Amino acid sequence: MGRLARRSAAHVNGPVTIDAENRGAMRMNAKQAEYLIQQLRVLVVEDNPFMRNLVRNMLGTIGVKKVYEASDGIAGLEMLRSVTPDVMVLDWEMPLLNGPELVRIVRSPGVFPLPDIPIIMLTAHGERWRIVEAAKLGINEFLCKPVSAKSLLDRLLSILLKPRENIQIGEYYGPVPRHPTAAQAEPAADDSVN
């Protein structure tokens, strides 16, 4: 998304508002955030045509102008390579190549050309184990269906305003976890607190 940060903000009008959670993340006014949203290229990988249309319409409502679609994971991989989107919205359950399998391929630096693309998992399956699995796979954001335009906008703003660096830890490649484990959170005995 470096190409987005380099562009100057233009005067635009529209529905984008920055909620309290995202306001302090980066000094940016609503017009600048709206401009960034408008510049996004988003790939929606979803096998259900109705849901794909719904997500495309919600993205259009919040200001995204370039939305690409794929009906399964294999078509999604091809679209990733050909249009190089800024964000991918991905369903969990799909034929041929499901969401987790697609993420494993994408999050392979040195093998796949876009391992750092932010991924929003959008699924009807909200079980805890799936959320944990999505985090282990390197998903940036997780949304459960039914989804609203506001929740989709909030996830996009989180990706834009609070970007997380991608890291390699053993087999894991993906964004730095938001919440460190207890061992990482406790300061070492020789660390001084100022």
N, C-alpha and C. Protein backbone atom coordinates (compact mmCIF):
# COMPACT_ATOMS: atom_id res chain seq x y z
N MET A 1 0.80 -1.18 0.00
CA MET A 1 0.00 0.00 0.00
C MET A 1 0.85 1.25 0.00
N GLY A 2 2.12 1.13 -0.21
CA GLY A 2 2.98 2.28 -0.27
C GLY A 2 2.57 3.25 -1.35
N ARG A 3 2.01 2.74 -2.45
CA ARG A 3 1.59 3.62 -3.53
C ARG A 3 0.48 4.55 -3.07
N LEU A 4 -0.32 4.12 -2.09
CA LEU A 4 -1.40 4.96 -1.60
C LEU A 4 -0.88 6.09 -0.73
N ALA A 5 0.10 5.81 0.09
CA ALA A 5 0.62 6.81 1.01
C ALA A 5 1.32 7.94 0.28
N ARG A 6 1.85 7.68 -0.90
CA ARG A 6 2.59 8.70 -1.64
C ARG A 6 1.69 9.69 -2.35
N ARG A 7 0.44 9.35 -2.56
CA ARG A 7 -0.46 10.25 -3.28
C ARG A 7 -0.92 11.37 -2.38
N SER A 8 -1.12 12.53 -2.98
CA SER A 8 -1.63 13.65 -2.18
C SER A 8 -3.15 13.53 -2.06
N ALA A 9 -3.66 14.02 -0.94
CA ALA A 9 -5.10 13.93 -0.70
C ALA A 9 -5.84 14.96 -1.53
N ALA A 10 -6.91 14.54 -2.15
CA ALA A 10 -7.76 15.45 -2.93
C ALA A 10 -9.03 15.72 -2.14
N HIS A 11 -9.71 16.78 -2.50
CA HIS A 11 -10.97 17.09 -1.83
C HIS A 11 -12.04 16.15 -2.37
N VAL A 12 -12.64 15.37 -1.46
CA VAL A 12 -13.70 14.45 -1.86
C VAL A 12 -14.81 14.52 -0.83
N ASN A 13 -15.99 14.16 -1.23
CA ASN A 13 -17.13 14.10 -0.33
C ASN A 13 -17.65 12.68 -0.31
N GLY A 14 -18.12 12.22 0.85
CA GLY A 14 -18.66 10.87 0.90
C GLY A 14 -18.92 10.40 2.30
N PRO A 15 -19.22 9.10 2.45
CA PRO A 15 -19.70 8.56 3.70
C PRO A 15 -18.63 8.16 4.71
N VAL A 16 -17.34 8.33 4.43
CA VAL A 16 -16.32 7.81 5.33
C VAL A 16 -16.25 8.61 6.63
N THR A 17 -16.34 7.93 7.74
CA THR A 17 -16.11 8.53 9.04
C THR A 17 -15.13 7.64 9.78
N ILE A 18 -14.27 8.24 10.56
CA ILE A 18 -13.27 7.48 11.30
C ILE A 18 -13.78 7.30 12.72
N ASP A 19 -13.96 6.05 13.15
CA ASP A 19 -14.48 5.82 14.49
C ASP A 19 -13.38 6.06 15.53
N ALA A 20 -13.76 6.11 16.80
CA ALA A 20 -12.84 6.43 17.89
C ALA A 20 -11.66 5.47 17.94
N GLU A 21 -11.88 4.21 17.61
CA GLU A 21 -10.81 3.21 17.66
C GLU A 21 -9.68 3.54 16.70
N ASN A 22 -10.01 4.11 15.54
CA ASN A 22 -9.01 4.39 14.52
C ASN A 22 -8.52 5.83 14.49
N ARG A 23 -9.15 6.74 15.25
CA ARG A 23 -8.79 8.16 15.17
C ARG A 23 -7.34 8.46 15.53
N GLY A 24 -6.86 7.91 16.62
CA GLY A 24 -5.52 8.27 17.07
C GLY A 24 -4.41 7.47 16.42
N ALA A 25 -4.74 6.50 15.59
CA ALA A 25 -3.73 5.62 15.02
C ALA A 25 -2.76 6.37 14.12
N MET A 26 -3.24 7.29 13.36
CA MET A 26 -2.40 8.03 12.43
C MET A 26 -3.07 9.37 12.22
N ARG A 27 -2.28 10.43 12.20
CA ARG A 27 -2.87 11.75 12.03
C ARG A 27 -3.35 11.88 10.58
N MET A 28 -4.65 11.73 10.43
CA MET A 28 -5.24 11.80 9.10
C MET A 28 -6.68 12.26 9.28
N ASN A 29 -7.09 13.20 8.47
CA ASN A 29 -8.48 13.63 8.59
C ASN A 29 -9.38 12.72 7.76
N ALA A 30 -10.68 12.90 7.92
CA ALA A 30 -11.64 12.04 7.24
C ALA A 30 -11.51 12.13 5.73
N LYS A 31 -11.22 13.31 5.21
CA LYS A 31 -11.08 13.48 3.76
C LYS A 31 -9.90 12.67 3.23
N GLN A 32 -8.78 12.68 3.97
CA GLN A 32 -7.61 11.91 3.54
C GLN A 32 -7.90 10.41 3.62
N ALA A 33 -8.57 9.97 4.67
CA ALA A 33 -8.92 8.56 4.81
C ALA A 33 -9.87 8.14 3.69
N GLU A 34 -10.82 9.01 3.39
CA GLU A 34 -11.76 8.72 2.32
C GLU A 34 -11.03 8.60 0.98
N TYR A 35 -10.07 9.47 0.76
CA TYR A 35 -9.29 9.41 -0.47
C TYR A 35 -8.54 8.08 -0.56
N LEU A 36 -7.94 7.65 0.53
CA LEU A 36 -7.23 6.37 0.53
C LEU A 36 -8.18 5.20 0.25
N ILE A 37 -9.36 5.24 0.86
CA ILE A 37 -10.36 4.19 0.61
C ILE A 37 -10.72 4.17 -0.88
N GLN A 38 -10.90 5.34 -1.48
CA GLN A 38 -11.27 5.42 -2.89
C GLN A 38 -10.18 4.88 -3.81
N GLN A 39 -8.94 4.95 -3.37
CA GLN A 39 -7.82 4.49 -4.19
C GLN A 39 -7.55 2.99 -4.07
N LEU A 40 -8.16 2.35 -3.08
CA LEU A 40 -7.92 0.92 -2.86
C LEU A 40 -8.38 0.08 -4.04
N ARG A 41 -7.60 -0.95 -4.31
CA ARG A 41 -8.00 -2.00 -5.25
C ARG A 41 -8.26 -3.23 -4.38
N VAL A 42 -9.50 -3.68 -4.34
CA VAL A 42 -9.89 -4.77 -3.45
C VAL A 42 -10.31 -5.98 -4.28
N LEU A 43 -9.77 -7.14 -3.94
CA LEU A 43 -10.15 -8.40 -4.56
C LEU A 43 -11.08 -9.14 -3.60
N VAL A 44 -12.26 -9.50 -4.07
CA VAL A 44 -13.22 -10.28 -3.30
C VAL A 44 -13.21 -11.71 -3.85
N VAL A 45 -12.81 -12.66 -3.00
CA VAL A 45 -12.78 -14.07 -3.39
C VAL A 45 -13.88 -14.77 -2.61
N GLU A 46 -14.96 -15.10 -3.30
CA GLU A 46 -16.17 -15.64 -2.67
C GLU A 46 -16.89 -16.50 -3.70
N ASP A 47 -17.28 -17.72 -3.33
CA ASP A 47 -17.92 -18.62 -4.28
C ASP A 47 -19.41 -18.33 -4.47
N ASN A 48 -20.05 -17.70 -3.51
CA ASN A 48 -21.48 -17.42 -3.60
C ASN A 48 -21.69 -16.11 -4.38
N PRO A 49 -22.33 -16.18 -5.55
CA PRO A 49 -22.50 -14.96 -6.37
C PRO A 49 -23.29 -13.86 -5.65
N PHE A 50 -24.30 -14.25 -4.87
CA PHE A 50 -25.08 -13.25 -4.13
C PHE A 50 -24.20 -12.52 -3.13
N MET A 51 -23.39 -13.28 -2.38
CA MET A 51 -22.51 -12.67 -1.37
C MET A 51 -21.43 -11.81 -2.03
N ARG A 52 -20.90 -12.28 -3.16
CA ARG A 52 -19.89 -11.50 -3.89
C ARG A 52 -20.47 -10.15 -4.30
N ASN A 53 -21.69 -10.17 -4.83
CA ASN A 53 -22.38 -8.94 -5.24
C ASN A 53 -22.63 -8.04 -4.04
N LEU A 54 -23.06 -8.62 -2.93
CA LEU A 54 -23.32 -7.86 -1.71
C LEU A 54 -22.05 -7.16 -1.21
N VAL A 55 -20.95 -7.89 -1.17
CA VAL A 55 -19.68 -7.31 -0.70
C VAL A 55 -19.22 -6.22 -1.68
N ARG A 56 -19.33 -6.48 -2.97
CA ARG A 56 -18.95 -5.47 -3.97
C ARG A 56 -19.77 -4.19 -3.78
N ASN A 57 -21.08 -4.34 -3.55
CA ASN A 57 -21.94 -3.18 -3.34
C ASN A 57 -21.58 -2.44 -2.05
N MET A 58 -21.28 -3.18 -0.98
CA MET A 58 -20.87 -2.53 0.26
C MET A 58 -19.56 -1.77 0.08
N LEU A 59 -18.62 -2.37 -0.63
CA LEU A 59 -17.35 -1.69 -0.89
C LEU A 59 -17.59 -0.41 -1.69
N GLY A 60 -18.47 -0.48 -2.68
CA GLY A 60 -18.82 0.71 -3.45
C GLY A 60 -19.47 1.78 -2.58
N THR A 61 -20.33 1.35 -1.66
CA THR A 61 -21.02 2.29 -0.76
C THR A 61 -20.03 3.03 0.13
N ILE A 62 -19.00 2.34 0.58
CA ILE A 62 -18.03 3.01 1.47
C ILE A 62 -16.95 3.76 0.69
N GLY A 63 -16.99 3.68 -0.64
CA GLY A 63 -16.10 4.51 -1.44
C GLY A 63 -15.05 3.80 -2.25
N VAL A 64 -14.92 2.48 -2.14
CA VAL A 64 -13.92 1.76 -2.94
C VAL A 64 -14.38 1.76 -4.39
N LYS A 65 -13.51 2.20 -5.27
CA LYS A 65 -13.88 2.33 -6.68
C LYS A 65 -13.44 1.15 -7.54
N LYS A 66 -12.40 0.44 -7.11
CA LYS A 66 -11.89 -0.68 -7.92
C LYS A 66 -12.04 -1.98 -7.14
N VAL A 67 -13.04 -2.76 -7.55
CA VAL A 67 -13.31 -4.05 -6.91
C VAL A 67 -13.19 -5.14 -7.98
N TYR A 68 -12.39 -6.14 -7.68
CA TYR A 68 -12.20 -7.29 -8.56
C TYR A 68 -12.81 -8.50 -7.87
N GLU A 69 -13.26 -9.47 -8.66
CA GLU A 69 -13.95 -10.62 -8.09
C GLU A 69 -13.37 -11.93 -8.62
N ALA A 70 -13.40 -12.95 -7.74
CA ALA A 70 -13.03 -14.31 -8.12
C ALA A 70 -14.01 -15.25 -7.43
N SER A 71 -14.41 -16.30 -8.13
CA SER A 71 -15.44 -17.19 -7.60
C SER A 71 -14.89 -18.41 -6.87
N ASP A 72 -13.59 -18.57 -6.83
CA ASP A 72 -12.97 -19.65 -6.06
C ASP A 72 -11.51 -19.32 -5.80
N GLY A 73 -10.86 -20.14 -5.00
CA GLY A 73 -9.48 -19.87 -4.61
C GLY A 73 -8.49 -19.86 -5.76
N ILE A 74 -8.68 -20.75 -6.73
CA ILE A 74 -7.76 -20.80 -7.87
C ILE A 74 -7.90 -19.53 -8.71
N ALA A 75 -9.13 -19.12 -8.98
CA ALA A 75 -9.35 -17.87 -9.71
C ALA A 75 -8.81 -16.69 -8.89
N GLY A 76 -8.92 -16.78 -7.56
CA GLY A 76 -8.39 -15.74 -6.68
C GLY A 76 -6.88 -15.60 -6.81
N LEU A 77 -6.18 -16.73 -6.88
CA LEU A 77 -4.71 -16.68 -7.06
C LEU A 77 -4.34 -16.02 -8.38
N GLU A 78 -5.08 -16.36 -9.44
CA GLU A 78 -4.82 -15.75 -10.75
C GLU A 78 -5.07 -14.25 -10.72
N MET A 79 -6.17 -13.83 -10.07
CA MET A 79 -6.48 -12.40 -9.97
C MET A 79 -5.43 -11.68 -9.13
N LEU A 80 -4.95 -12.32 -8.06
CA LEU A 80 -3.90 -11.70 -7.25
C LEU A 80 -2.68 -11.39 -8.11
N ARG A 81 -2.31 -12.33 -8.93
CA ARG A 81 -1.13 -12.15 -9.79
C ARG A 81 -1.36 -11.10 -10.88
N SER A 82 -2.57 -11.06 -11.43
CA SER A 82 -2.81 -10.18 -12.58
C SER A 82 -3.17 -8.75 -12.21
N VAL A 83 -3.92 -8.52 -11.12
CA VAL A 83 -4.34 -7.16 -10.80
C VAL A 83 -3.62 -6.56 -9.59
N THR A 84 -2.83 -7.35 -8.89
CA THR A 84 -2.10 -6.93 -7.68
C THR A 84 -2.92 -5.96 -6.81
N PRO A 85 -3.98 -6.48 -6.20
CA PRO A 85 -4.83 -5.61 -5.36
C PRO A 85 -4.11 -5.17 -4.09
N ASP A 86 -4.70 -4.20 -3.41
CA ASP A 86 -4.15 -3.69 -2.15
C ASP A 86 -4.65 -4.50 -0.96
N VAL A 87 -5.85 -5.06 -1.08
CA VAL A 87 -6.48 -5.82 0.00
C VAL A 87 -7.27 -6.96 -0.64
N MET A 88 -7.32 -8.11 0.06
CA MET A 88 -8.14 -9.22 -0.39
C MET A 88 -9.17 -9.54 0.69
N VAL A 89 -10.44 -9.66 0.27
CA VAL A 89 -11.52 -10.11 1.14
C VAL A 89 -11.81 -11.54 0.72
N LEU A 90 -11.71 -12.47 1.67
CA LEU A 90 -11.67 -13.89 1.34
C LEU A 90 -12.67 -14.69 2.15
N ASP A 91 -13.40 -15.58 1.49
CA ASP A 91 -14.32 -16.49 2.16
C ASP A 91 -13.53 -17.71 2.65
N TRP A 92 -14.03 -18.34 3.72
CA TRP A 92 -13.37 -19.53 4.27
C TRP A 92 -13.68 -20.76 3.43
N GLU A 93 -14.97 -21.01 3.20
CA GLU A 93 -15.41 -22.22 2.50
C GLU A 93 -15.63 -21.94 1.02
N MET A 94 -14.82 -22.58 0.17
CA MET A 94 -14.97 -22.46 -1.28
C MET A 94 -14.56 -23.78 -1.92
N PRO A 95 -15.08 -24.04 -3.13
CA PRO A 95 -14.65 -25.26 -3.82
C PRO A 95 -13.24 -25.10 -4.39
N LEU A 96 -12.64 -26.20 -4.73
CA LEU A 96 -11.32 -26.30 -5.36
C LEU A 96 -10.19 -25.91 -4.41
N LEU A 97 -10.15 -24.67 -3.99
CA LEU A 97 -9.10 -24.19 -3.08
C LEU A 97 -9.79 -23.29 -2.07
N ASN A 98 -9.87 -23.74 -0.81
CA ASN A 98 -10.61 -22.94 0.17
C ASN A 98 -9.76 -21.78 0.70
N GLY A 99 -10.38 -20.95 1.54
CA GLY A 99 -9.70 -19.77 2.06
C GLY A 99 -8.39 -20.06 2.78
N PRO A 100 -8.38 -20.98 3.77
CA PRO A 100 -7.13 -21.28 4.46
C PRO A 100 -6.03 -21.80 3.53
N GLU A 101 -6.39 -22.63 2.55
CA GLU A 101 -5.39 -23.14 1.61
C GLU A 101 -4.83 -21.99 0.77
N LEU A 102 -5.69 -21.08 0.35
CA LEU A 102 -5.24 -19.93 -0.43
C LEU A 102 -4.29 -19.06 0.40
N VAL A 103 -4.63 -18.84 1.67
CA VAL A 103 -3.77 -18.03 2.54
C VAL A 103 -2.39 -18.68 2.70
N ARG A 104 -2.36 -20.00 2.87
CA ARG A 104 -1.07 -20.71 3.01
C ARG A 104 -0.18 -20.48 1.79
N ILE A 105 -0.79 -20.46 0.60
CA ILE A 105 -0.03 -20.21 -0.63
C ILE A 105 0.44 -18.76 -0.67
N VAL A 106 -0.48 -17.84 -0.41
CA VAL A 106 -0.15 -16.41 -0.50
C VAL A 106 0.91 -16.02 0.52
N ARG A 107 0.82 -16.53 1.74
CA ARG A 107 1.76 -16.17 2.81
C ARG A 107 3.04 -17.01 2.72
N SER A 108 3.52 -17.21 1.51
CA SER A 108 4.76 -17.94 1.27
C SER A 108 5.77 -17.03 0.58
N PRO A 109 6.52 -16.23 1.38
CA PRO A 109 7.49 -15.33 0.75
C PRO A 109 8.53 -16.14 -0.03
N GLY A 110 8.93 -15.63 -1.17
CA GLY A 110 9.88 -16.33 -2.01
C GLY A 110 9.21 -17.29 -2.98
N VAL A 111 7.94 -17.67 -2.68
CA VAL A 111 7.19 -18.56 -3.54
C VAL A 111 6.07 -17.78 -4.24
N PHE A 112 5.35 -16.98 -3.46
CA PHE A 112 4.25 -16.20 -4.03
C PHE A 112 4.67 -14.73 -4.10
N PRO A 113 4.33 -14.03 -5.19
CA PRO A 113 4.83 -12.66 -5.39
C PRO A 113 4.22 -11.60 -4.46
N LEU A 114 3.09 -11.85 -3.80
CA LEU A 114 2.45 -10.85 -2.95
C LEU A 114 2.18 -11.39 -1.54
N PRO A 115 3.20 -11.83 -0.81
CA PRO A 115 2.94 -12.44 0.50
C PRO A 115 2.47 -11.44 1.56
N ASP A 116 2.64 -10.15 1.31
CA ASP A 116 2.31 -9.13 2.31
C ASP A 116 0.93 -8.51 2.14
N ILE A 117 0.16 -8.97 1.19
CA ILE A 117 -1.16 -8.37 0.96
C ILE A 117 -2.03 -8.52 2.21
N PRO A 118 -2.65 -7.44 2.65
CA PRO A 118 -3.58 -7.55 3.77
C PRO A 118 -4.80 -8.41 3.38
N ILE A 119 -5.19 -9.31 4.28
CA ILE A 119 -6.28 -10.23 4.01
C ILE A 119 -7.34 -10.08 5.09
N ILE A 120 -8.58 -9.90 4.64
CA ILE A 120 -9.74 -9.89 5.53
C ILE A 120 -10.50 -11.19 5.27
N MET A 121 -10.58 -12.05 6.29
CA MET A 121 -11.35 -13.28 6.18
C MET A 121 -12.80 -12.95 6.51
N LEU A 122 -13.68 -13.21 5.56
CA LEU A 122 -15.11 -12.95 5.72
C LEU A 122 -15.83 -14.29 5.60
N THR A 123 -16.41 -14.75 6.70
CA THR A 123 -16.98 -16.09 6.72
C THR A 123 -18.23 -16.17 7.57
N ALA A 124 -19.05 -17.17 7.28
CA ALA A 124 -20.23 -17.44 8.10
C ALA A 124 -19.86 -18.25 9.33
N HIS A 125 -18.63 -18.71 9.39
CA HIS A 125 -18.16 -19.57 10.49
C HIS A 125 -17.40 -18.74 11.51
N GLY A 126 -18.03 -18.50 12.66
CA GLY A 126 -17.41 -17.67 13.69
C GLY A 126 -16.91 -18.45 14.89
N GLU A 127 -16.72 -19.76 14.74
CA GLU A 127 -16.25 -20.56 15.86
C GLU A 127 -14.85 -20.09 16.29
N ARG A 128 -14.61 -20.17 17.58
CA ARG A 128 -13.32 -19.71 18.13
C ARG A 128 -12.14 -20.38 17.43
N TRP A 129 -12.23 -21.67 17.17
CA TRP A 129 -11.09 -22.37 16.56
C TRP A 129 -10.78 -21.82 15.18
N ARG A 130 -11.80 -21.37 14.46
CA ARG A 130 -11.55 -20.79 13.13
C ARG A 130 -10.87 -19.43 13.24
N ILE A 131 -11.27 -18.65 14.22
CA ILE A 131 -10.64 -17.34 14.43
C ILE A 131 -9.17 -17.53 14.80
N VAL A 132 -8.90 -18.49 15.69
CA VAL A 132 -7.52 -18.79 16.09
C VAL A 132 -6.74 -19.31 14.88
N GLU A 133 -7.34 -20.19 14.11
CA GLU A 133 -6.68 -20.72 12.92
C GLU A 133 -6.38 -19.60 11.91
N ALA A 134 -7.33 -18.68 11.73
CA ALA A 134 -7.12 -17.56 10.81
C ALA A 134 -5.93 -16.71 11.26
N ALA A 135 -5.84 -16.46 12.56
CA ALA A 135 -4.71 -15.69 13.09
C ALA A 135 -3.40 -16.44 12.85
N LYS A 136 -3.40 -17.74 13.04
CA LYS A 136 -2.19 -18.55 12.82
C LYS A 136 -1.78 -18.58 11.35
N LEU A 137 -2.77 -18.42 10.47
CA LEU A 137 -2.48 -18.41 9.03
C LEU A 137 -1.91 -17.07 8.56
N GLY A 138 -2.12 -16.00 9.34
CA GLY A 138 -1.62 -14.69 8.94
C GLY A 138 -2.68 -13.76 8.39
N ILE A 139 -3.93 -13.95 8.81
CA ILE A 139 -5.01 -13.07 8.40
C ILE A 139 -4.88 -11.74 9.14
N ASN A 140 -5.12 -10.64 8.46
CA ASN A 140 -5.06 -9.32 9.10
C ASN A 140 -6.32 -9.02 9.90
N GLU A 141 -7.49 -9.34 9.32
CA GLU A 141 -8.77 -9.03 9.95
C GLU A 141 -9.73 -10.18 9.73
N PHE A 142 -10.70 -10.33 10.65
CA PHE A 142 -11.66 -11.42 10.58
C PHE A 142 -13.06 -10.83 10.73
N LEU A 143 -13.96 -11.17 9.82
CA LEU A 143 -15.35 -10.70 9.88
C LEU A 143 -16.29 -11.89 9.71
N CYS A 144 -17.37 -11.89 10.49
CA CYS A 144 -18.41 -12.92 10.37
C CYS A 144 -19.60 -12.39 9.60
N LYS A 145 -20.16 -13.24 8.76
CA LYS A 145 -21.40 -12.92 8.06
C LYS A 145 -22.55 -13.12 9.03
N PRO A 146 -23.59 -12.35 8.97
CA PRO A 146 -23.79 -11.24 8.04
C PRO A 146 -22.89 -10.07 8.40
N VAL A 147 -22.44 -9.37 7.39
CA VAL A 147 -21.50 -8.27 7.57
C VAL A 147 -22.18 -6.96 7.19
N SER A 148 -21.74 -5.88 7.83
CA SER A 148 -22.27 -4.56 7.49
C SER A 148 -21.19 -3.75 6.77
N ALA A 149 -21.62 -2.73 6.06
CA ALA A 149 -20.67 -1.84 5.39
C ALA A 149 -19.77 -1.16 6.42
N LYS A 150 -20.32 -0.83 7.60
CA LYS A 150 -19.53 -0.18 8.63
C LYS A 150 -18.42 -1.09 9.15
N SER A 151 -18.73 -2.37 9.39
CA SER A 151 -17.69 -3.27 9.90
C SER A 151 -16.62 -3.51 8.84
N LEU A 152 -17.01 -3.56 7.58
CA LEU A 152 -16.04 -3.70 6.50
C LEU A 152 -15.17 -2.45 6.41
N LEU A 153 -15.78 -1.28 6.50
CA LEU A 153 -15.03 -0.03 6.50
C LEU A 153 -14.07 0.03 7.70
N ASP A 154 -14.54 -0.38 8.87
CA ASP A 154 -13.68 -0.37 10.05
C ASP A 154 -12.44 -1.23 9.85
N ARG A 155 -12.60 -2.40 9.22
CA ARG A 155 -11.45 -3.29 8.98
C ARG A 155 -10.50 -2.68 7.96
N LEU A 156 -11.05 -2.07 6.91
CA LEU A 156 -10.19 -1.42 5.92
C LEU A 156 -9.43 -0.25 6.54
N LEU A 157 -10.10 0.54 7.37
CA LEU A 157 -9.42 1.65 8.04
C LEU A 157 -8.35 1.15 8.99
N SER A 158 -8.61 0.05 9.67
CA SER A 158 -7.61 -0.53 10.55
C SER A 158 -6.36 -0.92 9.75
N ILE A 159 -6.57 -1.52 8.58
CA ILE A 159 -5.45 -1.90 7.73
C ILE A 159 -4.69 -0.66 7.24
N LEU A 160 -5.42 0.38 6.86
CA LEU A 160 -4.79 1.60 6.34
C LEU A 160 -4.13 2.45 7.43
N LEU A 161 -4.83 2.62 8.56
CA LEU A 161 -4.36 3.55 9.59
C LEU A 161 -3.45 2.92 10.63
N LYS A 162 -3.55 1.61 10.79
CA LYS A 162 -2.71 0.91 11.76
C LYS A 162 -2.06 -0.30 11.10
N PRO A 163 -1.26 -0.06 10.07
CA PRO A 163 -0.66 -1.20 9.36
C PRO A 163 0.29 -1.97 10.28
N ARG A 164 0.26 -3.28 10.13
CA ARG A 164 1.15 -4.13 10.92
C ARG A 164 2.18 -4.74 9.99
N GLU A 165 3.42 -4.66 10.39
CA GLU A 165 4.51 -5.24 9.62
C GLU A 165 4.34 -6.75 9.55
N ASN A 166 4.69 -7.34 8.42
CA ASN A 166 4.67 -8.79 8.31
C ASN A 166 6.01 -9.34 8.79
N ILE A 167 5.94 -10.45 9.51
CA ILE A 167 7.13 -11.06 10.08
C ILE A 167 7.13 -12.56 9.82
N GLN A 168 8.31 -13.15 9.91
CA GLN A 168 8.47 -14.61 9.80
C GLN A 168 8.92 -15.11 11.17
N ILE A 169 8.10 -16.00 11.76
CA ILE A 169 8.45 -16.65 13.02
C ILE A 169 8.22 -18.13 12.81
N GLY A 170 9.29 -18.88 12.63
CA GLY A 170 9.15 -20.31 12.34
C GLY A 170 8.37 -20.50 11.06
N GLU A 171 7.28 -21.25 11.12
CA GLU A 171 6.42 -21.50 9.96
C GLU A 171 5.46 -20.34 9.68
N TYR A 172 5.29 -19.45 10.66
CA TYR A 172 4.33 -18.35 10.52
C TYR A 172 4.92 -17.22 9.70
N TYR A 173 4.14 -16.74 8.73
CA TYR A 173 4.45 -15.50 8.03
C TYR A 173 3.17 -14.71 7.94
N GLY A 174 3.18 -13.52 8.50
CA GLY A 174 1.98 -12.69 8.48
C GLY A 174 2.19 -11.47 9.34
N PRO A 175 1.10 -10.74 9.62
CA PRO A 175 1.21 -9.51 10.39
C PRO A 175 1.63 -9.77 11.83
N VAL A 176 2.36 -8.81 12.39
CA VAL A 176 2.74 -8.89 13.79
C VAL A 176 1.47 -9.04 14.61
N PRO A 177 1.41 -10.01 15.52
CA PRO A 177 0.19 -10.17 16.33
C PRO A 177 -0.12 -8.91 17.12
N ARG A 178 -1.42 -8.62 17.25
CA ARG A 178 -1.85 -7.44 18.00
C ARG A 178 -1.59 -7.58 19.49
N HIS A 179 -1.82 -8.77 20.02
CA HIS A 179 -1.69 -9.00 21.45
C HIS A 179 -0.55 -9.97 21.69
N PRO A 180 0.54 -9.48 22.27
CA PRO A 180 1.67 -10.39 22.52
C PRO A 180 1.27 -11.45 23.54
N THR A 181 1.94 -12.59 23.46
CA THR A 181 1.69 -13.64 24.44
C THR A 181 2.19 -13.18 25.80
N ALA A 182 1.80 -13.86 26.83
CA ALA A 182 2.18 -13.47 28.19
C ALA A 182 3.70 -13.41 28.34
N ALA A 183 4.41 -14.34 27.74
CA ALA A 183 5.87 -14.35 27.84
C ALA A 183 6.48 -13.12 27.17
N GLN A 184 5.89 -12.69 26.05
CA GLN A 184 6.41 -11.51 25.36
C GLN A 184 6.01 -10.23 26.08
N ALA A 185 4.88 -10.25 26.77
CA ALA A 185 4.38 -9.03 27.41
C ALA A 185 5.13 -8.70 28.70
N GLU A 186 5.66 -9.72 29.39
CA GLU A 186 6.37 -9.47 30.65
C GLU A 186 7.76 -8.97 30.36
N PRO A 187 8.17 -7.82 30.93
CA PRO A 187 9.51 -7.32 30.70
C PRO A 187 10.52 -8.20 31.42
N ALA A 188 11.70 -8.32 30.85
CA ALA A 188 12.77 -9.09 31.48
C ALA A 188 13.19 -8.40 32.77
N ALA A 189 13.81 -9.14 33.67
CA ALA A 189 14.19 -8.62 34.98
C ALA A 189 15.15 -7.45 34.86
N ASP A 190 16.01 -7.44 33.84
CA ASP A 190 17.01 -6.36 33.71
C ASP A 190 16.48 -5.19 32.89
N ASP A 191 15.24 -5.25 32.38
CA ASP A 191 14.68 -4.13 31.63
C ASP A 191 14.29 -3.02 32.60
N SER A 192 14.66 -1.81 32.27
CA SER A 192 14.27 -0.68 33.11
C SER A 192 13.05 -0.01 32.51
N VAL A 193 12.16 0.45 33.35
CA VAL A 193 10.96 1.13 32.92
C VAL A 193 11.16 2.61 33.17
N ASN A 194 11.07 3.43 32.14
CA ASN A 194 11.26 4.87 32.29
C ASN A 194 9.96 5.58 32.25
